[in-house]
Amino acid sequence: MEKIVERAIKRYIKKHFPNELKKIVNKSHELYPELMKKAPDIGGKENTLANNLNMFILVIAYYEASEHLIDGTAIDEILGDLYVHYKWLGAFMNLNRKGTLSMMQKKLYKSYREYTRKVKEKQAHGEWRETWGIIVDPLNDPTCFNFTLIGCPLVEYAKKYGYMELMPHMCALDHKYAKMMHTRLIRTHTVATGADSCDYRYVPDKSEFAKNYKGRIV
């Protein structure tokens, strides 16, 4: 995922600041290892969710390397570019298609439960203390794919080092991901907006619930 995001960032720089491309890329590569040293130990490659933090720190490296030219507005455009480049994935992962939702529930709920088991095991040995917690299918609802993330290492990093202005734009990635899958993400609260968890409810975008929902979405 990091390589995919970096390619999109480079496309953005080439479009808006072509003469600065080499300078910004080189500087970001210098900064990235130093920024990573500040990250909490959440398991690295052993943690299936760690790429989310790595990706955020990559964005921060480009934010700093560009002297804040790659800001929240730029991130929004970069996410739009990613959607355009990868929306073809929706042909393979369309939750409106019969059987796709149940397949996703079966596969990902199993993966998240295994993650939860591993986190419990690691934390019993004093490791992975700052990783996400997951509650699988808290709604007990077969008409959607849902889970709750407890805590957020990205927000903790952003708060500690002064990058909270980037968080709403990073959180927007989840909505782009949902759109690719022909789903609507109903998320009413996030850690970035002051809650202690983020609720995720992915519903097929052609469902009556998706069409008629008028509540809060963040």
C-alpha atoms as a PDB file:
ATOM      1  CA  MET A   1       0.000   0.000   0.000  1.00  0.00           C
ATOM      2  CA  GLU A   2       2.854   2.402   0.781  1.00  0.00           C
ATOM      3  CA  LYS A   3       4.285   2.039  -2.730  1.00  0.00           C
ATOM      4  CA  ILE A   4       0.864   2.644  -4.285  1.00  0.00           C
ATOM      5  CA  VAL A   5       0.362   5.787  -2.195  1.00  0.00           C
ATOM      6  CA  GLU A   6       3.866   7.047  -2.925  1.00  0.00           C
ATOM      7  CA  ARG A   7       3.297   6.695  -6.663  1.00  0.00           C
ATOM      8  CA  ALA A   8       0.137   8.793  -6.305  1.00  0.00           C
ATOM      9  CA  ILE A   9       2.043  11.420  -4.313  1.00  0.00           C
ATOM     10  CA  LYS A  10       4.709  11.573  -7.016  1.00  0.00           C
ATOM     11  CA  ARG A  11       2.017  12.030  -9.674  1.00  0.00           C
ATOM     12  CA  TYR A  12       0.650  14.929  -7.643  1.00  0.00           C
ATOM     13  CA  ILE A  13       4.076  16.583  -7.335  1.00  0.00           C
ATOM     14  CA  LYS A  14       4.814  16.060 -11.016  1.00  0.00           C
ATOM     15  CA  LYS A  15       1.514  17.726 -11.888  1.00  0.00           C
ATOM     16  CA  HIS A  16       1.766  20.730  -9.561  1.00  0.00           C
ATOM     17  CA  PHE A  17       5.479  21.167  -8.781  1.00  0.00           C
ATOM     18  CA  PRO A  18       7.402  19.321 -11.536  1.00  0.00           C
ATOM     19  CA  ASN A  19      10.636  21.207 -10.919  1.00  0.00           C
ATOM     20  CA  GLU A  20      10.574  20.180  -7.246  1.00  0.00           C
ATOM     21  CA  LEU A  21       9.937  16.461  -7.763  1.00  0.00           C
ATOM     22  CA  LYS A  22      13.452  15.129  -7.291  1.00  0.00           C
ATOM     23  CA  LYS A  23      14.174  17.432  -4.359  1.00  0.00           C
ATOM     24  CA  ILE A  24      10.967  16.554  -2.500  1.00  0.00           C
ATOM     25  CA  VAL A  25      11.289  12.816  -3.130  1.00  0.00           C
ATOM     26  CA  ASN A  26      14.912  12.713  -1.967  1.00  0.00           C
ATOM     27  CA  LYS A  27      14.137  14.766   1.131  1.00  0.00           C
ATOM     28  CA  SER A  28      11.148  12.600   2.035  1.00  0.00           C
ATOM     29  CA  HIS A  29      13.311   9.480   1.795  1.00  0.00           C
ATOM     30  CA  GLU A  30      15.763  11.081   4.219  1.00  0.00           C
ATOM     31  CA  LEU A  31      13.013  12.036   6.656  1.00  0.00           C
ATOM     32  CA  TYR A  32      11.010   8.808   6.593  1.00  0.00           C
ATOM     33  CA  PRO A  33      13.426   6.649   8.664  1.00  0.00           C
ATOM     34  CA  GLU A  34      13.730   9.392  11.292  1.00  0.00           C
ATOM     35  CA  LEU A  35       9.963   9.793  11.513  1.00  0.00           C
ATOM     36  CA  MET A  36       9.555   6.024  11.775  1.00  0.00           C
ATOM     37  CA  LYS A  37      11.870   5.953  14.784  1.00  0.00           C
ATOM     38  CA  LYS A  38       9.291   8.027  16.648  1.00  0.00           C
ATOM     39  CA  ALA A  39       6.493   5.561  15.908  1.00  0.00           C
ATOM     40  CA  PRO A  40       5.131   3.297  18.637  1.00  0.00           C
ATOM     41  CA  ASP A  41       6.071  -0.364  18.455  1.00  0.00           C
ATOM     42  CA  ILE A  42       2.920  -2.022  17.165  1.00  0.00           C
ATOM     43  CA  GLY A  43       4.581  -5.103  15.719  1.00  0.00           C
ATOM     44  CA  GLY A  44       5.903  -3.993  12.342  1.00  0.00           C
ATOM     45  CA  LYS A  45       5.365  -6.512   9.530  1.00  0.00           C
ATOM     46  CA  GLU A  46       3.972  -9.005  12.028  1.00  0.00           C
ATOM     47  CA  ASN A  47       0.968  -6.721  12.589  1.00  0.00           C
ATOM     48  CA  THR A  48      -1.451  -6.794   9.652  1.00  0.00           C
ATOM     49  CA  LEU A  49      -2.669  -3.277  10.480  1.00  0.00           C
ATOM     50  CA  ALA A  50       0.774  -1.676  10.827  1.00  0.00           C
ATOM     51  CA  ASN A  51       0.799  -0.542   7.189  1.00  0.00           C
ATOM     52  CA  ASN A  52      -1.800   2.090   8.095  1.00  0.00           C
ATOM     53  CA  LEU A  53       0.669   3.786  10.431  1.00  0.00           C
ATOM     54  CA  ASN A  54       3.544   3.362   7.969  1.00  0.00           C
ATOM     55  CA  MET A  55       1.460   4.982   5.232  1.00  0.00           C
ATOM     56  CA  PHE A  56       0.587   7.925   7.467  1.00  0.00           C
ATOM     57  CA  ILE A  57       4.237   8.489   8.336  1.00  0.00           C
ATOM     58  CA  LEU A  58       5.088   8.341   4.630  1.00  0.00           C
ATOM     59  CA  VAL A  59       2.557  11.110   4.006  1.00  0.00           C
ATOM     60  CA  ILE A  60       4.075  13.128   6.861  1.00  0.00           C
ATOM     61  CA  ALA A  61       7.534  12.683   5.310  1.00  0.00           C
ATOM     62  CA  TYR A  62       6.261  14.219   2.072  1.00  0.00           C
ATOM     63  CA  TYR A  63       4.375  16.892   3.987  1.00  0.00           C
ATOM     64  CA  GLU A  64       7.596  17.981   5.681  1.00  0.00           C
ATOM     65  CA  ALA A  65       9.824  17.471   2.622  1.00  0.00           C
ATOM     66  CA  SER A  66       7.548  19.716   0.552  1.00  0.00           C
ATOM     67  CA  GLU A  67       7.487  22.370   3.294  1.00  0.00           C
ATOM     68  CA  HIS A  68       3.768  21.654   3.770  1.00  0.00           C
ATOM     69  CA  LEU A  69       2.842  22.010   0.095  1.00  0.00           C
ATOM     70  CA  ILE A  70       1.457  18.483   0.302  1.00  0.00           C
ATOM     71  CA  ASP A  71      -1.168  19.444   2.859  1.00  0.00           C
ATOM     72  CA  GLY A  72      -4.722  18.315   3.551  1.00  0.00           C
ATOM     73  CA  THR A  73      -6.057  19.695   0.279  1.00  0.00           C
ATOM     74  CA  ALA A  74      -3.301  17.885  -1.594  1.00  0.00           C
ATOM     75  CA  ILE A  75      -4.103  14.650   0.247  1.00  0.00           C
ATOM     76  CA  ASP A  76      -7.725  14.958  -0.890  1.00  0.00           C
ATOM     77  CA  GLU A  77      -6.584  15.231  -4.508  1.00  0.00           C
ATOM     78  CA  ILE A  78      -4.155  12.336  -4.088  1.00  0.00           C
ATOM     79  CA  LEU A  79      -6.945  10.142  -2.696  1.00  0.00           C
ATOM     80  CA  GLY A  80      -9.105  11.084  -5.659  1.00  0.00           C
ATOM     81  CA  ASP A  81      -6.273  10.062  -7.960  1.00  0.00           C
ATOM     82  CA  LEU A  82      -5.991   6.709  -6.181  1.00  0.00           C
ATOM     83  CA  TYR A  83      -9.697   6.124  -6.645  1.00  0.00           C
ATOM     84  CA  VAL A  84      -9.481   6.838 -10.375  1.00  0.00           C
ATOM     85  CA  HIS A  85      -6.515   4.489 -10.775  1.00  0.00           C
ATOM     86  CA  TYR A  86      -7.984   1.602  -8.763  1.00  0.00           C
ATOM     87  CA  LYS A  87     -11.748   1.848  -9.133  1.00  0.00           C
ATOM     88  CA  TRP A  88     -11.512  -1.145 -11.497  1.00  0.00           C
ATOM     89  CA  LEU A  89     -11.173  -3.259  -8.354  1.00  0.00           C
ATOM     90  CA  GLY A  90     -14.893  -2.711  -7.875  1.00  0.00           C
ATOM     91  CA  ALA A  91     -15.471  -5.187 -10.683  1.00  0.00           C
ATOM     92  CA  PHE A  92     -14.165  -7.921  -8.370  1.00  0.00           C
ATOM     93  CA  MET A  93     -15.405  -6.635  -4.994  1.00  0.00           C
ATOM     94  CA  ASN A  94     -18.973  -5.381  -5.325  1.00  0.00           C
ATOM     95  CA  LEU A  95     -20.984  -5.825  -2.140  1.00  0.00           C
ATOM     96  CA  ASN A  96     -24.227  -5.451  -4.088  1.00  0.00           C
ATOM     97  CA  ARG A  97     -23.436  -8.714  -5.888  1.00  0.00           C
ATOM     98  CA  LYS A  98     -25.050 -11.811  -4.433  1.00  0.00           C
ATOM     99  CA  GLY A  99     -22.706 -13.697  -2.123  1.00  0.00           C
ATOM    100  CA  THR A 100     -19.966 -11.049  -2.005  1.00  0.00           C
ATOM    101  CA  LEU A 101     -21.010  -9.580   1.337  1.00  0.00           C
ATOM    102  CA  SER A 102     -21.226 -12.971   3.063  1.00  0.00           C
ATOM    103  CA  MET A 103     -17.855 -13.939   1.587  1.00  0.00           C
ATOM    104  CA  MET A 104     -16.273 -10.750   2.931  1.00  0.00           C
ATOM    105  CA  GLN A 105     -17.841 -11.259   6.343  1.00  0.00           C
ATOM    106  CA  LYS A 106     -16.544 -14.809   6.550  1.00  0.00           C
ATOM    107  CA  LYS A 107     -13.027 -13.979   5.404  1.00  0.00           C
ATOM    108  CA  LEU A 108     -12.428 -10.696   7.196  1.00  0.00           C
ATOM    109  CA  TYR A 109     -14.221 -11.520  10.438  1.00  0.00           C
ATOM    110  CA  LYS A 110     -12.009 -14.606  10.693  1.00  0.00           C
ATOM    111  CA  SER A 111      -8.913 -12.481  10.008  1.00  0.00           C
ATOM    112  CA  TYR A 112      -9.916  -9.832  12.579  1.00  0.00           C
ATOM    113  CA  ARG A 113     -10.623 -12.453  15.238  1.00  0.00           C
ATOM    114  CA  GLU A 114      -7.185 -13.930  14.630  1.00  0.00           C
ATOM    115  CA  TYR A 115      -5.710 -10.432  14.913  1.00  0.00           C
ATOM    116  CA  THR A 116      -7.514  -9.919  18.233  1.00  0.00           C
ATOM    117  CA  ARG A 117      -6.179 -13.225  19.534  1.00  0.00           C
ATOM    118  CA  LYS A 118      -2.655 -12.256  18.527  1.00  0.00           C
ATOM    119  CA  VAL A 119      -2.910  -8.805  20.117  1.00  0.00           C
ATOM    120  CA  LYS A 120      -4.039 -10.361  23.385  1.00  0.00           C
ATOM    121  CA  GLU A 121      -1.110 -12.753  23.279  1.00  0.00           C
ATOM    122  CA  LYS A 122       1.418 -10.008  22.475  1.00  0.00           C
ATOM    123  CA  GLN A 123       0.085  -7.601  25.087  1.00  0.00           C
ATOM    124  CA  ALA A 124       0.300 -10.321  27.730  1.00  0.00           C
ATOM    125  CA  HIS A 125       4.061 -10.158  27.098  1.00  0.00           C
ATOM    126  CA  GLY A 126       4.196  -6.356  27.150  1.00  0.00           C
ATOM    127  CA  GLU A 127       4.244  -5.915  23.375  1.00  0.00           C
ATOM    128  CA  TRP A 128       1.960  -4.124  20.891  1.00  0.00           C
ATOM    129  CA  ARG A 129       0.610  -1.920  23.687  1.00  0.00           C
ATOM    130  CA  GLU A 130      -0.386   0.909  21.349  1.00  0.00           C
ATOM    131  CA  THR A 131      -1.948  -1.022  18.491  1.00  0.00           C
ATOM    132  CA  TRP A 132      -5.641  -0.972  17.590  1.00  0.00           C
ATOM    133  CA  GLY A 133      -8.175  -3.094  19.390  1.00  0.00           C
ATOM    134  CA  ILE A 134     -10.972  -4.617  17.310  1.00  0.00           C
ATOM    135  CA  ILE A 135     -14.533  -5.584  18.156  1.00  0.00           C
ATOM    136  CA  VAL A 136     -15.824  -7.848  15.388  1.00  0.00           C
ATOM    137  CA  ASP A 137     -19.453  -7.526  14.226  1.00  0.00           C
ATOM    138  CA  PRO A 138     -20.680  -5.497  17.238  1.00  0.00           C
ATOM    139  CA  LEU A 139     -24.013  -4.925  15.465  1.00  0.00           C
ATOM    140  CA  ASN A 140     -24.553  -8.649  14.880  1.00  0.00           C
ATOM    141  CA  ASP A 141     -26.039  -7.622  11.547  1.00  0.00           C
ATOM    142  CA  PRO A 142     -25.851  -9.910   8.474  1.00  0.00           C
ATOM    143  CA  THR A 143     -26.822  -7.052   6.121  1.00  0.00           C
ATOM    144  CA  CYS A 144     -23.512  -5.223   6.538  1.00  0.00           C
ATOM    145  CA  PHE A 145     -19.824  -5.698   7.218  1.00  0.00           C
ATOM    146  CA  ASN A 146     -19.081  -3.989  10.533  1.00  0.00           C
ATOM    147  CA  PHE A 147     -16.426  -3.674  13.207  1.00  0.00           C
ATOM    148  CA  THR A 148     -15.130  -1.183  15.763  1.00  0.00           C
ATOM    149  CA  LEU A 149     -11.516  -0.055  16.067  1.00  0.00           C
ATOM    150  CA  ILE A 150     -10.524   0.919  19.598  1.00  0.00           C
ATOM    151  CA  GLY A 151      -7.818   3.545  19.866  1.00  0.00           C
ATOM    152  CA  CYS A 152      -5.672   4.764  16.966  1.00  0.00           C
ATOM    153  CA  PRO A 153      -1.852   4.889  16.761  1.00  0.00           C
ATOM    154  CA  LEU A 154      -2.154   7.394  13.895  1.00  0.00           C
ATOM    155  CA  VAL A 155      -4.021   9.872  16.074  1.00  0.00           C
ATOM    156  CA  GLU A 156      -1.606   9.370  18.958  1.00  0.00           C
ATOM    157  CA  TYR A 157       1.341  10.042  16.637  1.00  0.00           C
ATOM    158  CA  ALA A 158      -0.416  13.060  15.132  1.00  0.00           C
ATOM    159  CA  LYS A 159      -1.217  14.507  18.557  1.00  0.00           C
ATOM    160  CA  LYS A 160       2.270  13.955  19.891  1.00  0.00           C
ATOM    161  CA  TYR A 161       4.111  15.473  16.935  1.00  0.00           C
ATOM    162  CA  GLY A 162       1.668  18.087  15.659  1.00  0.00           C
ATOM    163  CA  TYR A 163      -0.047  16.575  12.621  1.00  0.00           C
ATOM    164  CA  MET A 164      -3.694  16.535  13.663  1.00  0.00           C
ATOM    165  CA  GLU A 165      -4.666  18.834  10.781  1.00  0.00           C
ATOM    166  CA  LEU A 166      -3.907  15.939   8.425  1.00  0.00           C
ATOM    167  CA  MET A 167      -6.087  13.377  10.186  1.00  0.00           C
ATOM    168  CA  PRO A 168      -9.511  14.231   8.657  1.00  0.00           C
ATOM    169  CA  HIS A 169      -7.978  13.872   5.208  1.00  0.00           C
ATOM    170  CA  MET A 170      -6.348  10.549   6.088  1.00  0.00           C
ATOM    171  CA  CYS A 171      -9.604   9.242   7.556  1.00  0.00           C
ATOM    172  CA  ALA A 172     -11.298  10.084   4.252  1.00  0.00           C
ATOM    173  CA  LEU A 173      -9.350   7.220   2.667  1.00  0.00           C
ATOM    174  CA  ASP A 174     -11.819   4.791   4.246  1.00  0.00           C
ATOM    175  CA  HIS A 175     -14.682   6.391   2.316  1.00  0.00           C
ATOM    176  CA  LYS A 176     -12.748   6.120  -0.956  1.00  0.00           C
ATOM    177  CA  TYR A 177     -12.086   2.458  -0.201  1.00  0.00           C
ATOM    178  CA  ALA A 178     -15.789   1.932   0.452  1.00  0.00           C
ATOM    179  CA  LYS A 179     -16.709   3.602  -2.824  1.00  0.00           C
ATOM    180  CA  MET A 180     -14.390   1.258  -4.722  1.00  0.00           C
ATOM    181  CA  MET A 181     -16.340  -1.705  -3.304  1.00  0.00           C
ATOM    182  CA  HIS A 182     -19.714  -0.158  -4.222  1.00  0.00           C
ATOM    183  CA  THR A 183     -20.470   0.346  -0.549  1.00  0.00           C
ATOM    184  CA  ARG A 184     -21.307   3.213   1.721  1.00  0.00           C
ATOM    185  CA  LEU A 185     -19.345   3.588   4.943  1.00  0.00           C
ATOM    186  CA  ILE A 186     -21.578   4.642   7.806  1.00  0.00           C
ATOM    187  CA  ARG A 187     -19.170   5.917  10.443  1.00  0.00           C
ATOM    188  CA  THR A 188     -20.597   8.068  13.209  1.00  0.00           C
ATOM    189  CA  HIS A 189     -17.493   8.726  15.301  1.00  0.00           C
ATOM    190  CA  THR A 190     -13.708   8.471  15.143  1.00  0.00           C
ATOM    191  CA  VAL A 191     -10.773   8.767  17.500  1.00  0.00           C
ATOM    192  CA  ALA A 192      -9.633  11.727  15.388  1.00  0.00           C
ATOM    193  CA  THR A 193     -12.851  13.589  16.257  1.00  0.00           C
ATOM    194  CA  GLY A 194     -12.525  12.896  19.978  1.00  0.00           C
ATOM    195  CA  ALA A 195     -14.086   9.461  20.523  1.00  0.00           C
ATOM    196  CA  ASP A 196     -12.227   6.494  21.959  1.00  0.00           C
ATOM    197  CA  SER A 197     -13.090   4.324  18.956  1.00  0.00           C
ATOM    198  CA  CYS A 198     -14.037   4.371  15.272  1.00  0.00           C
ATOM    199  CA  ASP A 199     -17.178   2.553  14.170  1.00  0.00           C
ATOM    200  CA  TYR A 200     -17.262   1.002  10.711  1.00  0.00           C
ATOM    201  CA  ARG A 201     -20.443  -0.142   9.000  1.00  0.00           C
ATOM    202  CA  TYR A 202     -20.080  -0.990   5.319  1.00  0.00           C
ATOM    203  CA  VAL A 203     -23.413  -1.403   3.563  1.00  0.00           C
ATOM    204  CA  PRO A 204     -24.038  -2.111  -0.150  1.00  0.00           C
ATOM    205  CA  ASP A 205     -24.559   1.269  -1.793  1.00  0.00           C
ATOM    206  CA  LYS A 206     -27.727   0.103  -3.560  1.00  0.00           C
ATOM    207  CA  SER A 207     -29.330  -1.061  -0.318  1.00  0.00           C
ATOM    208  CA  GLU A 208     -32.296   0.817   1.105  1.00  0.00           C
ATOM    209  CA  PHE A 209     -30.304   1.538   4.255  1.00  0.00           C
ATOM    210  CA  ALA A 210     -27.538   3.224   2.266  1.00  0.00           C
ATOM    211  CA  LYS A 211     -29.982   5.235   0.183  1.00  0.00           C
ATOM    212  CA  ASN A 212     -32.087   6.432   3.122  1.00  0.00           C
ATOM    213  CA  TYR A 213     -29.506   6.965   5.862  1.00  0.00           C
ATOM    214  CA  LYS A 214     -29.496  10.640   6.948  1.00  0.00           C
ATOM    215  CA  GLY A 215     -27.488  10.473  10.160  1.00  0.00           C
ATOM    216  CA  ARG A 216     -23.996  11.604  11.058  1.00  0.00           C
ATOM    217  CA  ILE A 217     -21.086  10.403   8.942  1.00  0.00           C
ATOM    218  CA  VAL A 218     -17.415  11.198   9.606  1.00  0.00           C
END
